[in-house]
Amino acid sequence: MVIIYCEMHIDPAKKAEYLQRVRDAGIIPATNAEPGCVSYELADCAAGQGKLLIVERWESPAALPAHMKGANYAALMKLNAEYGLKGGATVYTAEPMTK
């Protein structure tokens, strides 16, 4: 499994509008329906006024190229640019814990 953790920063005055635009575009549910996507979440971080988190889980690295060339990724990147989001991502590989 691949986990991608993104911390993004936005002008707090623009955050509510940005989140509504993401919702209206249907980007999150559409990404969750992509092949290989285990979960894809965008969250408003309570710890920081202008901080947003994106946490993605993918079945394998093989699913990422198609996602990054797809319409959902392009739509989110367009909104991110329009609203001046800044930040970065860290990619992890993980194995499920066994009991």
C-alpha atoms as a PDB file:
ATOM      1  CA  MET A   1       0.000   0.000   0.000  1.00  0.00           C
ATOM      2  CA  VAL A   2       1.069   3.568  -0.699  1.00  0.00           C
ATOM      3  CA  ILE A   3       0.105   6.408   1.615  1.00  0.00           C
ATOM      4  CA  ILE A   4       0.464  10.008   0.510  1.00  0.00           C
ATOM      5  CA  TYR A   5       0.304  12.688   3.187  1.00  0.00           C
ATOM      6  CA  CYS A   6      -0.046  16.290   1.995  1.00  0.00           C
ATOM      7  CA  GLU A   7      -0.012  19.419   4.124  1.00  0.00           C
ATOM      8  CA  MET A   8      -1.371  22.371   2.207  1.00  0.00           C
ATOM      9  CA  HIS A   9      -1.700  25.992   3.261  1.00  0.00           C
ATOM     10  CA  ILE A  10      -4.301  28.468   2.036  1.00  0.00           C
ATOM     11  CA  ASP A  11      -5.284  32.007   2.938  1.00  0.00           C
ATOM     12  CA  PRO A  12      -7.789  31.425   5.780  1.00  0.00           C
ATOM     13  CA  ALA A  13     -10.171  33.941   4.209  1.00  0.00           C
ATOM     14  CA  LYS A  14     -10.373  31.746   1.066  1.00  0.00           C
ATOM     15  CA  LYS A  15     -10.577  28.331   2.737  1.00  0.00           C
ATOM     16  CA  ALA A  16     -14.361  27.935   3.038  1.00  0.00           C
ATOM     17  CA  GLU A  17     -14.906  28.940  -0.586  1.00  0.00           C
ATOM     18  CA  TYR A  18     -12.134  26.595  -1.769  1.00  0.00           C
ATOM     19  CA  LEU A  19     -13.582  23.640   0.154  1.00  0.00           C
ATOM     20  CA  GLN A  20     -17.037  24.343  -1.269  1.00  0.00           C
ATOM     21  CA  ARG A  21     -15.628  24.452  -4.804  1.00  0.00           C
ATOM     22  CA  VAL A  22     -13.894  21.099  -4.234  1.00  0.00           C
ATOM     23  CA  ARG A  23     -17.201  19.654  -2.958  1.00  0.00           C
ATOM     24  CA  ASP A  24     -19.171  21.127  -5.855  1.00  0.00           C
ATOM     25  CA  ALA A  25     -16.704  19.648  -8.362  1.00  0.00           C
ATOM     26  CA  GLY A  26     -17.126  16.165  -6.844  1.00  0.00           C
ATOM     27  CA  ILE A  27     -13.374  15.618  -6.864  1.00  0.00           C
ATOM     28  CA  ILE A  28     -13.124  13.616  -3.629  1.00  0.00           C
ATOM     29  CA  PRO A  29     -15.827  10.999  -4.329  1.00  0.00           C
ATOM     30  CA  ALA A  30     -14.666  10.693  -7.942  1.00  0.00           C
ATOM     31  CA  THR A  31     -11.083  10.092  -6.834  1.00  0.00           C
ATOM     32  CA  ASN A  32     -12.253   7.514  -4.299  1.00  0.00           C
ATOM     33  CA  ALA A  33     -13.865   5.641  -7.217  1.00  0.00           C
ATOM     34  CA  GLU A  34     -10.625   5.490  -9.234  1.00  0.00           C
ATOM     35  CA  PRO A  35      -9.015   2.078  -9.766  1.00  0.00           C
ATOM     36  CA  GLY A  36      -6.550   1.287  -6.992  1.00  0.00           C
ATOM     37  CA  CYS A  37      -7.771   3.996  -4.604  1.00  0.00           C
ATOM     38  CA  VAL A  38      -8.342   2.687  -1.085  1.00  0.00           C
ATOM     39  CA  SER A  39      -9.263   6.125   0.297  1.00  0.00           C
ATOM     40  CA  TYR A  40      -8.754   9.768  -0.596  1.00  0.00           C
ATOM     41  CA  GLU A  41      -9.629  12.451   1.947  1.00  0.00           C
ATOM     42  CA  LEU A  42      -9.317  16.216   2.105  1.00  0.00           C
ATOM     43  CA  ALA A  43      -9.626  17.577   5.630  1.00  0.00           C
ATOM     44  CA  ASP A  44      -9.738  20.994   7.230  1.00  0.00           C
ATOM     45  CA  CYS A  45      -7.097  20.930   9.958  1.00  0.00           C
ATOM     46  CA  ALA A  46      -8.374  22.215  13.300  1.00  0.00           C
ATOM     47  CA  ALA A  47      -4.803  22.968  14.400  1.00  0.00           C
ATOM     48  CA  GLY A  48      -4.200  25.677  11.817  1.00  0.00           C
ATOM     49  CA  GLN A  49      -6.488  28.310  10.344  1.00  0.00           C
ATOM     50  CA  GLY A  50      -5.104  27.939   6.833  1.00  0.00           C
ATOM     51  CA  LYS A  51      -3.968  24.323   6.959  1.00  0.00           C
ATOM     52  CA  LEU A  52      -5.566  21.541   4.913  1.00  0.00           C
ATOM     53  CA  LEU A  53      -4.612  17.876   4.841  1.00  0.00           C
ATOM     54  CA  ILE A  54      -4.913  15.388   2.022  1.00  0.00           C
ATOM     55  CA  VAL A  55      -4.403  11.763   2.975  1.00  0.00           C
ATOM     56  CA  GLU A  56      -4.439   9.227   0.170  1.00  0.00           C
ATOM     57  CA  ARG A  57      -4.173   5.444   0.337  1.00  0.00           C
ATOM     58  CA  TRP A  58      -3.543   3.468  -2.845  1.00  0.00           C
ATOM     59  CA  GLU A  59      -3.350  -0.288  -3.329  1.00  0.00           C
ATOM     60  CA  SER A  60       0.066   0.019  -5.010  1.00  0.00           C
ATOM     61  CA  PRO A  61       2.381   2.514  -6.698  1.00  0.00           C
ATOM     62  CA  ALA A  62       1.060   1.237 -10.038  1.00  0.00           C
ATOM     63  CA  ALA A  63      -2.226   3.131  -9.473  1.00  0.00           C
ATOM     64  CA  LEU A  64      -0.570   6.535  -9.158  1.00  0.00           C
ATOM     65  CA  PRO A  65       0.423   7.362 -12.760  1.00  0.00           C
ATOM     66  CA  ALA A  66      -3.153   7.022 -14.025  1.00  0.00           C
ATOM     67  CA  HIS A  67      -4.448   9.105 -11.107  1.00  0.00           C
ATOM     68  CA  MET A  68      -1.898  11.852 -11.714  1.00  0.00           C
ATOM     69  CA  LYS A  69      -2.813  12.001 -15.421  1.00  0.00           C
ATOM     70  CA  GLY A  70      -6.565  11.943 -14.721  1.00  0.00           C
ATOM     71  CA  ALA A  71      -9.299  14.545 -14.691  1.00  0.00           C
ATOM     72  CA  ASN A  72      -9.770  14.525 -10.903  1.00  0.00           C
ATOM     73  CA  TYR A  73      -6.120  15.300 -10.209  1.00  0.00           C
ATOM     74  CA  ALA A  74      -6.113  18.002 -12.900  1.00  0.00           C
ATOM     75  CA  ALA A  75      -9.263  19.605 -11.452  1.00  0.00           C
ATOM     76  CA  LEU A  76      -7.778  19.712  -7.948  1.00  0.00           C
ATOM     77  CA  MET A  77      -4.454  21.112  -9.200  1.00  0.00           C
ATOM     78  CA  LYS A  78      -6.361  23.839 -11.083  1.00  0.00           C
ATOM     79  CA  LEU A  79      -8.263  24.830  -7.928  1.00  0.00           C
ATOM     80  CA  ASN A  80      -5.054  24.678  -5.879  1.00  0.00           C
ATOM     81  CA  ALA A  81      -3.382  27.091  -8.287  1.00  0.00           C
ATOM     82  CA  GLU A  82      -6.420  29.370  -8.429  1.00  0.00           C
ATOM     83  CA  TYR A  83      -6.532  29.641  -4.624  1.00  0.00           C
ATOM     84  CA  GLY A  84      -2.763  29.845  -4.150  1.00  0.00           C
ATOM     85  CA  LEU A  85      -2.341  26.670  -2.111  1.00  0.00           C
ATOM     86  CA  LYS A  86       1.215  25.892  -1.100  1.00  0.00           C
ATOM     87  CA  GLY A  87       2.629  22.803   0.520  1.00  0.00           C
ATOM     88  CA  GLY A  88       4.060  19.432  -0.166  1.00  0.00           C
ATOM     89  CA  ALA A  89       3.548  15.729  -0.033  1.00  0.00           C
ATOM     90  CA  THR A  90       5.338  12.792   1.525  1.00  0.00           C
ATOM     91  CA  VAL A  91       4.902   9.303   0.097  1.00  0.00           C
ATOM     92  CA  TYR A  92       5.085   6.236   2.330  1.00  0.00           C
ATOM     93  CA  THR A  93       4.818   2.527   1.670  1.00  0.00           C
ATOM     94  CA  ALA A  94       2.991   0.508   4.293  1.00  0.00           C
ATOM     95  CA  GLU A  95       2.041  -3.033   5.130  1.00  0.00           C
ATOM     96  CA  PRO A  96      -1.161  -3.891   6.996  1.00  0.00           C
ATOM     97  CA  MET A  97      -0.688  -4.760  10.656  1.00  0.00           C
ATOM     98  CA  THR A  98      -1.552  -8.310  11.593  1.00  0.00           C
ATOM     99  CA  LYS A  99      -2.966  -9.323  14.946  1.00  0.00           C
END
